[in-house]
C-alpha cells in the first residue's frame, strides 16, 4: 500500500509540474491587456516551461540519455 501511495504522490507532483509549465506557456503566448499586440514573450515562456519540466524530472537535457 505504501508503494501505491508513493507512486500516486509522484504522479500528482508530475501533474502539478505539467500544469504549471502549461500555464507558463499560455501566459507567454498571450499578450496582457495593457500590452501592445506582438509584445508576448514566447521564447522566455518556452525556456521557463522547459526548466520547470527539467526540475520535475519529466524531460532530459539535450544530449542526455537514460
Protein backbone atom coordinates (compact mmCIF):
# COMPACT_ATOMS: atom_id res chain seq x y z
CA UNK A 1 0.00 0.00 0.00
CA UNK A 2 2.88 2.38 0.73
CA UNK A 3 4.28 1.75 -2.75
CA UNK A 4 0.96 2.68 -4.34
CA UNK A 5 0.74 5.83 -2.22
CA UNK A 6 4.28 6.84 -3.20
CA UNK A 7 3.52 6.30 -6.89
CA UNK A 8 0.33 8.36 -6.64
CA UNK A 9 2.21 11.19 -4.93
CA UNK A 10 4.79 11.14 -7.71
CA UNK A 11 2.08 11.24 -10.38
CA UNK A 12 0.37 14.13 -8.60
CA UNK A 13 3.67 16.02 -8.41
CA UNK A 14 4.27 15.44 -12.12
CA UNK A 15 0.76 16.62 -12.97
CA UNK A 16 1.32 19.82 -10.98
CA UNK A 17 4.58 20.41 -12.86
CA UNK A 18 2.88 19.83 -16.21
CA UNK A 19 0.05 22.18 -15.29
CA UNK A 20 2.49 24.88 -14.18
CA UNK A 21 4.55 24.52 -17.38
CA UNK A 22 1.37 24.74 -19.48
CA UNK A 23 0.28 27.87 -17.64
CA UNK A 24 3.69 29.49 -18.17
CA UNK A 25 3.49 28.74 -21.89
CA UNK A 26 -0.05 30.08 -22.19
CA UNK A 27 0.84 33.29 -20.37
CA UNK A 28 3.93 33.74 -22.52
CA UNK A 29 1.97 33.33 -25.73
CA UNK A 30 -0.79 35.75 -24.88
CA UNK A 31 -0.35 39.47 -24.59
CA UNK A 32 -1.66 41.06 -21.42
CA UNK A 33 -4.49 43.58 -21.60
CA UNK A 34 -2.07 46.51 -21.31
CA UNK A 35 0.48 45.20 -23.81
CA UNK A 36 0.55 46.11 -27.46
CA UNK A 37 -0.04 43.34 -29.97
CA UNK A 38 3.14 41.39 -30.64
CA UNK A 39 4.61 42.06 -27.20
CA UNK A 40 4.16 38.48 -25.90
CA UNK A 41 7.35 36.70 -24.84
CA UNK A 42 7.09 33.14 -26.17
CA UNK A 43 10.84 32.47 -26.08
CA UNK A 44 11.07 33.31 -22.38
CA UNK A 45 7.94 31.29 -21.63
CA UNK A 46 9.24 28.28 -23.53
CA UNK A 47 12.57 28.42 -21.70
CA UNK A 48 10.87 28.71 -18.31
CA UNK A 49 8.46 25.87 -19.10
CA UNK A 50 11.39 23.68 -20.14
CA UNK A 51 13.23 24.49 -16.92
CA UNK A 52 10.13 23.55 -14.90
CA UNK A 53 9.90 20.21 -16.71
CA UNK A 54 13.62 19.58 -16.19
CA UNK A 55 13.35 20.37 -12.48
CA UNK A 56 10.45 17.95 -12.15
CA UNK A 57 12.45 15.24 -13.92
CA UNK A 58 9.89 14.95 -16.71
CA UNK A 59 12.33 15.64 -19.55
CA UNK A 60 16.06 15.25 -20.07
CA UNK A 61 18.57 17.87 -21.08
CA UNK A 62 19.59 17.81 -24.71
CA UNK A 63 22.31 15.27 -25.29
CA UNK A 64 21.50 13.22 -22.17
CA UNK A 65 20.41 9.63 -22.46
CA UNK A 66 18.75 7.47 -19.86
